[in-house]
N, C-alpha and C. Protein backbone atom coordinates (compact mmCIF):
# COMPACT_ATOMS: atom_id res chain seq x y z
N MET A 1 0.82 -1.20 0.00
CA MET A 1 0.00 0.00 0.00
C MET A 1 0.87 1.26 0.00
N LYS A 2 1.93 1.24 0.83
CA LYS A 2 2.81 2.41 0.90
C LYS A 2 3.50 2.64 -0.44
N GLY A 3 3.89 1.56 -1.13
CA GLY A 3 4.53 1.69 -2.43
C GLY A 3 3.62 2.34 -3.46
N ARG A 4 2.34 1.97 -3.41
CA ARG A 4 1.37 2.55 -4.34
C ARG A 4 1.19 4.04 -4.06
N MET A 5 1.12 4.42 -2.79
CA MET A 5 0.96 5.82 -2.42
C MET A 5 2.20 6.62 -2.84
N ASP A 6 3.39 6.03 -2.66
CA ASP A 6 4.61 6.72 -3.08
C ASP A 6 4.63 6.93 -4.59
N ARG A 7 4.17 5.93 -5.34
CA ARG A 7 4.10 6.06 -6.80
C ARG A 7 3.17 7.20 -7.19
N TRP A 8 2.00 7.27 -6.56
CA TRP A 8 1.05 8.35 -6.87
C TRP A 8 1.63 9.71 -6.48
N ARG A 9 2.28 9.76 -5.33
CA ARG A 9 2.88 11.02 -4.87
C ARG A 9 3.93 11.50 -5.87
N ARG A 10 4.80 10.60 -6.32
CA ARG A 10 5.84 10.98 -7.28
C ARG A 10 5.23 11.33 -8.63
N ARG A 11 4.22 10.58 -9.06
CA ARG A 11 3.60 10.82 -10.37
C ARG A 11 3.02 12.23 -10.45
N PHE A 12 2.45 12.69 -9.34
CA PHE A 12 1.83 14.01 -9.35
C PHE A 12 2.75 15.11 -8.84
N GLY A 13 4.03 14.82 -8.72
CA GLY A 13 5.01 15.85 -8.45
C GLY A 13 5.23 16.21 -7.00
N PHE A 14 4.67 15.46 -6.07
CA PHE A 14 4.86 15.74 -4.66
C PHE A 14 6.10 15.00 -4.14
N ASP A 15 7.24 15.38 -4.68
CA ASP A 15 8.47 14.76 -4.22
C ASP A 15 9.59 15.78 -4.33
N THR A 16 10.76 15.40 -3.86
CA THR A 16 11.92 16.30 -3.91
C THR A 16 12.95 15.75 -4.89
N ASN A 17 12.50 15.39 -6.06
CA ASN A 17 13.35 14.82 -7.08
C ASN A 17 14.34 15.88 -7.57
N ASN A 18 15.62 15.62 -7.42
CA ASN A 18 16.65 16.58 -7.83
C ASN A 18 16.76 16.70 -9.35
N LEU A 19 16.22 15.73 -10.07
CA LEU A 19 16.29 15.79 -11.52
C LEU A 19 15.23 16.71 -12.13
N ARG A 20 14.25 17.10 -11.32
CA ARG A 20 13.24 18.03 -11.84
C ARG A 20 13.86 19.42 -11.96
N ARG A 21 13.56 20.04 -13.07
CA ARG A 21 14.05 21.39 -13.29
C ARG A 21 13.01 22.39 -12.81
N ASP A 22 13.44 23.65 -12.77
CA ASP A 22 12.51 24.71 -12.34
C ASP A 22 11.31 24.79 -13.27
N VAL A 23 11.54 24.56 -14.55
CA VAL A 23 10.43 24.63 -15.51
C VAL A 23 9.42 23.50 -15.24
N ASP A 24 9.90 22.35 -14.81
CA ASP A 24 9.00 21.24 -14.46
C ASP A 24 8.15 21.60 -13.25
N ARG A 25 8.81 22.17 -12.25
CA ARG A 25 8.07 22.58 -11.04
C ARG A 25 7.07 23.69 -11.35
N PHE A 26 7.46 24.63 -12.21
CA PHE A 26 6.55 25.71 -12.60
C PHE A 26 5.32 25.15 -13.30
N GLN A 27 5.54 24.26 -14.25
CA GLN A 27 4.41 23.66 -14.98
C GLN A 27 3.50 22.90 -14.02
N TRP A 28 4.08 22.17 -13.09
CA TRP A 28 3.29 21.41 -12.13
C TRP A 28 2.47 22.34 -11.24
N ARG A 29 3.07 23.44 -10.79
CA ARG A 29 2.34 24.39 -9.94
C ARG A 29 1.20 25.06 -10.69
N ILE A 30 1.46 25.44 -11.93
CA ILE A 30 0.39 26.06 -12.74
C ILE A 30 -0.75 25.06 -12.93
N GLY A 31 -0.42 23.83 -13.24
CA GLY A 31 -1.46 22.80 -13.40
C GLY A 31 -2.27 22.61 -12.14
N LEU A 32 -1.59 22.62 -10.99
CA LEU A 32 -2.28 22.46 -9.71
C LEU A 32 -3.18 23.67 -9.43
N VAL A 33 -2.69 24.87 -9.71
CA VAL A 33 -3.49 26.08 -9.50
C VAL A 33 -4.72 26.05 -10.40
N LEU A 34 -4.56 25.67 -11.66
CA LEU A 34 -5.70 25.63 -12.57
C LEU A 34 -6.71 24.56 -12.16
N LEU A 35 -6.23 23.42 -11.68
CA LEU A 35 -7.13 22.37 -11.20
C LEU A 35 -7.92 22.86 -9.99
N VAL A 36 -7.24 23.48 -9.04
CA VAL A 36 -7.92 24.01 -7.86
C VAL A 36 -8.92 25.09 -8.27
N ALA A 37 -8.54 25.95 -9.21
CA ALA A 37 -9.46 26.98 -9.70
C ALA A 37 -10.70 26.34 -10.32
N PHE A 38 -10.51 25.31 -11.11
CA PHE A 38 -11.65 24.62 -11.72
C PHE A 38 -12.56 24.03 -10.65
N LEU A 39 -11.96 23.36 -9.67
CA LEU A 39 -12.75 22.69 -8.63
C LEU A 39 -13.43 23.65 -7.67
N THR A 40 -12.91 24.87 -7.54
CA THR A 40 -13.54 25.83 -6.63
C THR A 40 -14.51 26.78 -7.33
N VAL A 41 -14.24 27.14 -8.57
CA VAL A 41 -15.08 28.10 -9.27
C VAL A 41 -16.24 27.44 -10.01
N THR A 42 -16.00 26.31 -10.62
CA THR A 42 -17.01 25.68 -11.48
C THR A 42 -18.27 25.27 -10.73
N PRO A 43 -18.21 24.58 -9.60
CA PRO A 43 -19.46 24.16 -8.95
C PRO A 43 -20.40 25.33 -8.59
N PRO A 44 -19.92 26.40 -7.91
CA PRO A 44 -20.87 27.47 -7.61
C PRO A 44 -21.37 28.19 -8.86
N LEU A 45 -20.50 28.35 -9.84
CA LEU A 45 -20.92 29.01 -11.08
C LEU A 45 -21.98 28.16 -11.80
N THR A 46 -21.79 26.86 -11.80
CA THR A 46 -22.76 25.96 -12.42
C THR A 46 -24.11 26.06 -11.71
N VAL A 47 -24.08 26.09 -10.39
CA VAL A 47 -25.33 26.19 -9.62
C VAL A 47 -26.03 27.51 -9.93
N ILE A 48 -25.30 28.59 -9.99
CA ILE A 48 -25.90 29.90 -10.27
C ILE A 48 -26.53 29.92 -11.66
N VAL A 49 -25.78 29.51 -12.67
CA VAL A 49 -26.29 29.55 -14.05
C VAL A 49 -27.47 28.59 -14.21
N ALA A 50 -27.32 27.36 -13.74
CA ALA A 50 -28.41 26.39 -13.87
C ALA A 50 -29.65 26.86 -13.11
N GLY A 51 -29.46 27.47 -11.95
CA GLY A 51 -30.59 27.99 -11.18
C GLY A 51 -31.34 29.07 -11.93
N ARG A 52 -30.61 29.97 -12.57
CA ARG A 52 -31.27 31.04 -13.33
C ARG A 52 -31.99 30.49 -14.56
N VAL A 53 -31.39 29.52 -15.21
CA VAL A 53 -32.05 28.91 -16.37
C VAL A 53 -33.32 28.19 -15.93
N TYR A 54 -33.25 27.49 -14.81
CA TYR A 54 -34.43 26.78 -14.29
C TYR A 54 -35.55 27.76 -13.92
N GLU A 55 -35.20 28.86 -13.26
CA GLU A 55 -36.20 29.87 -12.90
C GLU A 55 -36.84 30.48 -14.14
N ALA A 56 -36.03 30.76 -15.16
CA ALA A 56 -36.58 31.30 -16.41
C ALA A 56 -37.51 30.28 -17.06
N GLY A 57 -37.15 29.01 -17.02
CA GLY A 57 -38.01 27.97 -17.57
C GLY A 57 -39.32 27.86 -16.82
N GLU A 58 -39.26 27.96 -15.49
CA GLU A 58 -40.51 27.92 -14.72
C GLU A 58 -41.40 29.11 -15.02
N ARG A 59 -40.81 30.29 -15.20
CA ARG A 59 -41.61 31.47 -15.58
C ARG A 59 -42.27 31.25 -16.93
N ALA A 60 -41.52 30.68 -17.87
CA ALA A 60 -42.10 30.40 -19.20
C ALA A 60 -43.22 29.37 -19.09
N GLU A 61 -43.05 28.38 -18.23
CA GLU A 61 -44.11 27.38 -18.02
C GLU A 61 -45.37 28.04 -17.48
N ARG A 62 -45.21 28.90 -16.47
CA ARG A 62 -46.38 29.57 -15.88
C ARG A 62 -47.06 30.47 -16.90
N ARG A 63 -46.27 31.22 -17.66
CA ARG A 63 -46.81 32.12 -18.68
C ARG A 63 -47.57 31.32 -19.73
N ALA A 64 -46.99 30.18 -20.15
CA ALA A 64 -47.65 29.34 -21.15
C ALA A 64 -48.95 28.76 -20.60
N ALA A 65 -48.93 28.35 -19.34
CA ALA A 65 -50.15 27.77 -18.74
C ALA A 65 -51.25 28.81 -18.63
N GLU A 66 -50.87 30.08 -18.45
CA GLU A 66 -51.86 31.14 -18.35
C GLU A 66 -52.44 31.55 -19.70
N THR A 67 -51.65 31.45 -20.76
CA THR A 67 -52.10 31.98 -22.05
C THR A 67 -52.52 30.91 -23.05
N TRP A 68 -51.87 29.75 -23.06
CA TRP A 68 -52.17 28.72 -24.04
C TRP A 68 -53.22 27.76 -23.50
N ARG A 69 -54.08 27.27 -24.40
CA ARG A 69 -55.05 26.24 -24.02
C ARG A 69 -55.19 25.25 -25.16
N ARG A 70 -55.56 24.04 -24.81
CA ARG A 70 -55.69 22.96 -25.79
C ARG A 70 -57.10 22.97 -26.36
N VAL A 71 -57.19 22.78 -27.69
CA VAL A 71 -58.49 22.67 -28.36
C VAL A 71 -58.44 21.47 -29.29
N ASP A 72 -59.62 20.97 -29.61
CA ASP A 72 -59.71 19.90 -30.60
C ASP A 72 -60.04 20.57 -31.93
N ALA A 73 -59.11 20.49 -32.87
CA ALA A 73 -59.27 21.13 -34.17
C ALA A 73 -59.53 20.07 -35.23
N THR A 74 -60.06 20.52 -36.36
CA THR A 74 -60.35 19.63 -37.48
C THR A 74 -59.56 20.13 -38.69
N VAL A 75 -58.91 19.21 -39.38
CA VAL A 75 -58.12 19.55 -40.57
C VAL A 75 -59.07 19.88 -41.71
N VAL A 76 -58.85 21.05 -42.36
CA VAL A 76 -59.67 21.44 -43.51
C VAL A 76 -58.85 21.53 -44.80
N LYS A 77 -57.52 21.57 -44.66
CA LYS A 77 -56.67 21.64 -45.86
C LYS A 77 -55.30 21.08 -45.50
N VAL A 78 -54.69 20.33 -46.44
CA VAL A 78 -53.36 19.75 -46.24
C VAL A 78 -52.48 20.11 -47.43
N SER A 79 -51.31 20.63 -47.16
CA SER A 79 -50.32 20.96 -48.20
C SER A 79 -49.02 20.23 -47.86
N PRO A 80 -48.57 19.33 -48.74
CA PRO A 80 -47.32 18.62 -48.43
C PRO A 80 -46.11 19.56 -48.52
N LEU A 81 -45.16 19.33 -47.63
CA LEU A 81 -43.89 20.06 -47.62
C LEU A 81 -42.76 19.05 -47.74
N ARG A 82 -41.53 19.53 -47.86
CA ARG A 82 -40.39 18.61 -47.91
C ARG A 82 -40.32 17.78 -46.63
N ALA A 83 -40.48 18.46 -45.51
CA ALA A 83 -40.44 17.78 -44.22
C ALA A 83 -41.77 18.04 -43.52
N GLY A 84 -42.69 17.14 -43.64
CA GLY A 84 -43.97 17.28 -42.96
C GLY A 84 -45.08 17.78 -43.87
N HIS A 85 -46.14 18.27 -43.24
CA HIS A 85 -47.32 18.74 -43.96
C HIS A 85 -47.82 20.02 -43.31
N ARG A 86 -48.16 20.99 -44.13
CA ARG A 86 -48.78 22.23 -43.62
C ARG A 86 -50.27 21.99 -43.60
N VAL A 87 -50.87 22.07 -42.41
CA VAL A 87 -52.30 21.82 -42.29
C VAL A 87 -53.02 23.09 -41.84
N THR A 88 -54.20 23.29 -42.42
CA THR A 88 -55.09 24.36 -41.98
C THR A 88 -56.19 23.69 -41.16
N VAL A 89 -56.44 24.25 -39.99
CA VAL A 89 -57.41 23.64 -39.09
C VAL A 89 -58.45 24.68 -38.66
N THR A 90 -59.59 24.16 -38.24
CA THR A 90 -60.62 25.02 -37.64
C THR A 90 -60.97 24.47 -36.27
N TRP A 91 -61.42 25.36 -35.39
CA TRP A 91 -61.86 24.97 -34.06
C TRP A 91 -62.90 25.98 -33.59
N THR A 92 -63.59 25.63 -32.56
CA THR A 92 -64.62 26.49 -32.02
C THR A 92 -64.18 27.01 -30.66
N GLU A 93 -64.24 28.32 -30.48
CA GLU A 93 -63.89 28.95 -29.21
C GLU A 93 -65.01 28.67 -28.18
N PRO A 94 -64.74 28.85 -26.90
CA PRO A 94 -65.77 28.62 -25.88
C PRO A 94 -67.01 29.50 -26.06
N ASP A 95 -66.84 30.69 -26.67
CA ASP A 95 -68.00 31.57 -26.89
C ASP A 95 -68.76 31.22 -28.16
N GLY A 96 -68.34 30.15 -28.88
CA GLY A 96 -69.03 29.71 -30.10
C GLY A 96 -68.43 30.24 -31.39
N THR A 97 -67.43 31.10 -31.31
CA THR A 97 -66.80 31.66 -32.50
C THR A 97 -65.96 30.59 -33.17
N ARG A 98 -66.07 30.52 -34.49
CA ARG A 98 -65.31 29.55 -35.26
C ARG A 98 -64.00 30.21 -35.71
N ARG A 99 -62.88 29.56 -35.45
CA ARG A 99 -61.55 30.09 -35.80
C ARG A 99 -60.85 29.16 -36.77
N GLU A 100 -59.84 29.74 -37.45
CA GLU A 100 -59.04 28.97 -38.39
C GLU A 100 -57.59 29.37 -38.23
N GLY A 101 -56.68 28.39 -38.39
CA GLY A 101 -55.25 28.65 -38.30
C GLY A 101 -54.49 27.55 -39.01
N ALA A 102 -53.18 27.72 -39.12
CA ALA A 102 -52.36 26.73 -39.82
C ALA A 102 -51.07 26.48 -39.06
N PHE A 103 -50.57 25.26 -39.18
CA PHE A 103 -49.28 24.89 -38.59
C PHE A 103 -48.75 23.68 -39.33
N THR A 104 -47.52 23.30 -39.02
CA THR A 104 -46.88 22.18 -39.69
C THR A 104 -46.91 20.95 -38.80
N LEU A 105 -47.25 19.82 -39.43
CA LEU A 105 -47.23 18.53 -38.75
C LEU A 105 -46.18 17.64 -39.41
N ARG A 106 -45.51 16.83 -38.62
CA ARG A 106 -44.57 15.87 -39.20
C ARG A 106 -45.31 14.68 -39.80
N ASP A 107 -46.32 14.22 -39.10
CA ASP A 107 -47.08 13.06 -39.55
C ASP A 107 -48.14 13.48 -40.57
N PRO A 108 -48.47 12.58 -41.51
CA PRO A 108 -49.49 12.93 -42.49
C PRO A 108 -50.86 13.05 -41.84
N ALA A 109 -51.66 13.92 -42.40
CA ALA A 109 -53.03 14.11 -41.92
C ALA A 109 -53.92 14.26 -43.15
N ALA A 110 -55.21 13.91 -42.98
CA ALA A 110 -56.18 14.02 -44.09
C ALA A 110 -57.25 15.02 -43.68
N VAL A 111 -57.89 15.59 -44.69
CA VAL A 111 -58.99 16.53 -44.44
C VAL A 111 -60.06 15.80 -43.63
N GLY A 112 -60.52 16.46 -42.57
CA GLY A 112 -61.54 15.89 -41.70
C GLY A 112 -60.97 15.21 -40.46
N ASP A 113 -59.64 15.00 -40.41
CA ASP A 113 -59.03 14.36 -39.23
C ASP A 113 -59.06 15.31 -38.04
N PRO A 114 -59.36 14.79 -36.86
CA PRO A 114 -59.23 15.63 -35.66
C PRO A 114 -57.77 15.66 -35.21
N VAL A 115 -57.27 16.81 -34.85
CA VAL A 115 -55.90 16.95 -34.35
C VAL A 115 -55.93 17.84 -33.12
N PRO A 116 -55.10 17.51 -32.13
CA PRO A 116 -55.00 18.42 -30.98
C PRO A 116 -54.21 19.65 -31.39
N ALA A 117 -54.63 20.80 -30.90
CA ALA A 117 -53.94 22.05 -31.20
C ALA A 117 -53.90 22.90 -29.94
N TRP A 118 -52.95 23.79 -29.91
CA TRP A 118 -52.81 24.72 -28.79
C TRP A 118 -53.00 26.12 -29.33
N VAL A 119 -53.83 26.92 -28.67
CA VAL A 119 -54.13 28.27 -29.15
C VAL A 119 -53.89 29.28 -28.05
N ALA A 120 -53.49 30.48 -28.49
CA ALA A 120 -53.31 31.62 -27.59
C ALA A 120 -53.28 32.88 -28.42
N ASP A 121 -54.16 33.81 -28.10
CA ASP A 121 -54.18 35.12 -28.76
C ASP A 121 -54.15 35.01 -30.28
N GLY A 122 -54.97 34.15 -30.85
CA GLY A 122 -55.06 34.01 -32.30
C GLY A 122 -53.95 33.18 -32.92
N THR A 123 -53.05 32.67 -32.13
CA THR A 123 -51.97 31.83 -32.64
C THR A 123 -52.33 30.38 -32.37
N VAL A 124 -52.03 29.52 -33.33
CA VAL A 124 -52.30 28.10 -33.18
C VAL A 124 -51.00 27.33 -33.41
N ALA A 125 -50.81 26.27 -32.63
CA ALA A 125 -49.59 25.47 -32.75
C ALA A 125 -49.92 24.01 -32.52
N ALA A 126 -49.11 23.13 -33.12
CA ALA A 126 -49.31 21.70 -32.93
C ALA A 126 -48.67 21.22 -31.64
N ALA A 127 -47.60 21.86 -31.25
CA ALA A 127 -46.87 21.44 -30.05
C ALA A 127 -47.43 22.14 -28.83
N PRO A 128 -47.45 21.46 -27.71
CA PRO A 128 -47.90 22.11 -26.49
C PRO A 128 -46.92 23.19 -26.08
N PRO A 129 -47.37 24.12 -25.26
CA PRO A 129 -46.48 25.21 -24.83
C PRO A 129 -45.33 24.66 -23.98
N HIS A 130 -44.50 25.53 -23.56
CA HIS A 130 -43.30 25.19 -22.78
C HIS A 130 -43.66 24.20 -21.67
N ARG A 131 -43.01 23.04 -21.71
CA ARG A 131 -43.27 21.99 -20.71
C ARG A 131 -42.12 21.90 -19.73
N HIS A 132 -42.37 21.24 -18.62
CA HIS A 132 -41.37 21.12 -17.57
C HIS A 132 -40.16 20.30 -18.04
N GLY A 133 -40.41 19.30 -18.87
CA GLY A 133 -39.30 18.50 -19.39
C GLY A 133 -38.29 19.37 -20.14
N LEU A 134 -38.79 20.35 -20.90
CA LEU A 134 -37.90 21.25 -21.62
C LEU A 134 -37.11 22.11 -20.65
N THR A 135 -37.72 22.51 -19.56
CA THR A 135 -37.01 23.28 -18.54
C THR A 135 -35.88 22.46 -17.94
N VAL A 136 -36.14 21.20 -17.65
CA VAL A 136 -35.11 20.33 -17.08
C VAL A 136 -33.97 20.13 -18.08
N ILE A 137 -34.30 19.91 -19.33
CA ILE A 137 -33.27 19.72 -20.37
C ILE A 137 -32.43 20.98 -20.53
N ASP A 138 -33.08 22.14 -20.57
CA ASP A 138 -32.35 23.40 -20.68
C ASP A 138 -31.43 23.62 -19.49
N THR A 139 -31.92 23.27 -18.30
CA THR A 139 -31.11 23.44 -17.09
C THR A 139 -29.89 22.53 -17.13
N ALA A 140 -30.09 21.27 -17.50
CA ALA A 140 -28.97 20.34 -17.60
C ALA A 140 -27.97 20.79 -18.66
N ALA A 141 -28.46 21.25 -19.79
CA ALA A 141 -27.57 21.73 -20.86
C ALA A 141 -26.76 22.94 -20.39
N ALA A 142 -27.40 23.83 -19.66
CA ALA A 142 -26.68 25.01 -19.16
C ALA A 142 -25.60 24.59 -18.17
N GLY A 143 -25.92 23.66 -17.28
CA GLY A 143 -24.92 23.18 -16.31
C GLY A 143 -23.75 22.51 -17.00
N ILE A 144 -24.05 21.64 -17.94
CA ILE A 144 -22.99 20.96 -18.69
C ILE A 144 -22.17 21.98 -19.49
N GLY A 145 -22.85 22.97 -20.04
CA GLY A 145 -22.14 24.01 -20.80
C GLY A 145 -21.16 24.79 -19.94
N VAL A 146 -21.56 25.12 -18.72
CA VAL A 146 -20.67 25.84 -17.81
C VAL A 146 -19.44 24.99 -17.49
N VAL A 147 -19.68 23.71 -17.17
CA VAL A 147 -18.56 22.82 -16.84
C VAL A 147 -17.61 22.69 -18.02
N LEU A 148 -18.18 22.50 -19.21
CA LEU A 148 -17.33 22.38 -20.41
C LEU A 148 -16.59 23.67 -20.71
N ALA A 149 -17.27 24.79 -20.60
CA ALA A 149 -16.62 26.08 -20.90
C ALA A 149 -15.47 26.34 -19.93
N MET A 150 -15.72 26.11 -18.66
CA MET A 150 -14.65 26.32 -17.67
C MET A 150 -13.52 25.31 -17.89
N GLY A 151 -13.88 24.05 -18.05
CA GLY A 151 -12.87 23.02 -18.21
C GLY A 151 -12.01 23.23 -19.45
N LEU A 152 -12.67 23.50 -20.57
CA LEU A 152 -11.92 23.70 -21.81
C LEU A 152 -11.07 24.97 -21.78
N SER A 153 -11.59 26.02 -21.15
CA SER A 153 -10.81 27.26 -21.04
C SER A 153 -9.55 27.04 -20.22
N LEU A 154 -9.72 26.41 -19.06
CA LEU A 154 -8.55 26.19 -18.20
C LEU A 154 -7.61 25.16 -18.81
N PHE A 155 -8.16 24.15 -19.47
CA PHE A 155 -7.30 23.17 -20.13
C PHE A 155 -6.52 23.84 -21.27
N GLY A 156 -7.17 24.72 -22.01
CA GLY A 156 -6.48 25.46 -23.07
C GLY A 156 -5.36 26.32 -22.52
N LEU A 157 -5.63 26.97 -21.39
CA LEU A 157 -4.59 27.76 -20.74
C LEU A 157 -3.43 26.87 -20.31
N TYR A 158 -3.74 25.71 -19.73
CA TYR A 158 -2.69 24.78 -19.33
C TYR A 158 -1.90 24.30 -20.55
N ALA A 159 -2.58 24.05 -21.65
CA ALA A 159 -1.90 23.59 -22.87
C ALA A 159 -0.91 24.66 -23.35
N LEU A 160 -1.30 25.93 -23.27
CA LEU A 160 -0.38 27.00 -23.66
C LEU A 160 0.83 27.06 -22.74
N VAL A 161 0.58 26.92 -21.43
CA VAL A 161 1.69 26.92 -20.46
C VAL A 161 2.60 25.73 -20.74
N ARG A 162 2.01 24.57 -20.98
CA ARG A 162 2.82 23.38 -21.23
C ARG A 162 3.66 23.55 -22.50
N ARG A 163 3.05 24.13 -23.52
CA ARG A 163 3.80 24.33 -24.77
C ARG A 163 5.01 25.23 -24.53
N ARG A 164 4.78 26.29 -23.76
CA ARG A 164 5.89 27.21 -23.46
C ARG A 164 6.94 26.50 -22.60
N CYS A 165 6.51 25.71 -21.65
CA CYS A 165 7.45 24.96 -20.80
C CYS A 165 8.21 23.93 -21.63
N ASP A 166 7.54 23.27 -22.58
CA ASP A 166 8.22 22.31 -23.44
C ASP A 166 9.31 22.99 -24.27
N ARG A 167 9.02 24.19 -24.77
CA ARG A 167 10.04 24.93 -25.52
C ARG A 167 11.24 25.24 -24.62
N SER A 168 10.92 25.67 -23.40
CA SER A 168 12.00 25.98 -22.47
C SER A 168 12.80 24.73 -22.13
N ARG A 169 12.12 23.60 -21.92
CA ARG A 169 12.79 22.33 -21.64
C ARG A 169 13.69 21.93 -22.81
N ASP A 170 13.18 22.05 -24.02
CA ASP A 170 13.98 21.71 -25.21
C ASP A 170 15.23 22.59 -25.28
N ARG A 171 15.07 23.88 -25.00
CA ARG A 171 16.21 24.78 -25.04
C ARG A 171 17.24 24.39 -23.97
N LEU A 172 16.75 24.05 -22.79
CA LEU A 172 17.66 23.64 -21.70
C LEU A 172 18.38 22.34 -22.06
N TRP A 173 17.67 21.40 -22.68
CA TRP A 173 18.32 20.15 -23.11
C TRP A 173 19.39 20.42 -24.15
N ASP A 174 19.07 21.28 -25.12
CA ASP A 174 20.05 21.61 -26.16
C ASP A 174 21.30 22.25 -25.55
N GLU A 175 21.08 23.16 -24.59
CA GLU A 175 22.23 23.80 -23.93
C GLU A 175 23.05 22.77 -23.15
N ALA A 176 22.37 21.85 -22.47
CA ALA A 176 23.08 20.83 -21.68
C ALA A 176 23.88 19.91 -22.60
N TRP A 177 23.30 19.52 -23.74
CA TRP A 177 24.03 18.67 -24.67
C TRP A 177 25.21 19.43 -25.29
N ALA A 178 25.04 20.70 -25.56
CA ALA A 178 26.14 21.49 -26.12
C ALA A 178 27.30 21.58 -25.12
N ARG A 179 26.97 21.80 -23.83
CA ARG A 179 28.01 21.84 -22.79
C ARG A 179 28.68 20.48 -22.69
N PHE A 180 27.92 19.40 -22.76
CA PHE A 180 28.49 18.06 -22.69
C PHE A 180 29.43 17.81 -23.86
N ASP A 181 28.98 18.21 -25.08
CA ASP A 181 29.82 18.02 -26.25
C ASP A 181 31.11 18.82 -26.15
N ASN A 182 31.03 20.03 -25.64
CA ASN A 182 32.22 20.87 -25.51
C ASN A 182 33.21 20.29 -24.50
N ASN A 183 32.70 19.71 -23.44
CA ASN A 183 33.56 19.17 -22.38
C ASN A 183 34.06 17.78 -22.70
N HIS A 184 33.39 17.04 -23.57
CA HIS A 184 33.76 15.66 -23.86
C HIS A 184 34.05 15.43 -25.32
N SER A 185 34.58 16.40 -26.00
CA SER A 185 34.85 16.21 -27.41
C SER A 185 36.11 15.35 -27.59
N ILE A 186 36.09 14.56 -28.66
CA ILE A 186 37.22 13.68 -28.96
C ILE A 186 37.94 14.26 -30.16
N GLY A 187 39.17 14.24 -30.10
CA GLY A 187 39.92 14.73 -31.24
C GLY A 187 41.01 15.70 -30.85
N PRO A 188 41.64 16.35 -31.84
CA PRO A 188 42.80 17.19 -31.57
C PRO A 188 42.51 18.41 -30.77
């Protein structure tokens, strides 16, 4: 068990290895700082953003529930489209007024078919208004987006630091080999 812990400790740079150069230690420290920044900033930021998206979704749900209502409409005209069908429908309002509107359906429909429709302020739609499932999906997408944005940003920053450290390491190796060649040259 102790051997495994020592391996992990050395792998992640928690040792006093004399062969490590300053550039190695710098890269390791920057990586550690960026990891700590990710672990401390991302969770609260994700909660804040996801919370606001969820609240906005709930407001949209309430607004939709107040304004949209379901009616049973009848298809009076069908026009085929590349993707779906444009249907014209009629329905009767609660006060007895007959209304007409149009929307697109994916599935085929025939004249005279009953179709569920959603209406609000003279607008008709085939899909129900904003549902809770959409709010949950939007919230999850926002949370995942925050995690990805933070992670990719910090990883990109680390990649730039590593690239610069690799250049410095290469230069140091070249200088060390040049000194070795000068001190150990064979010949006259």
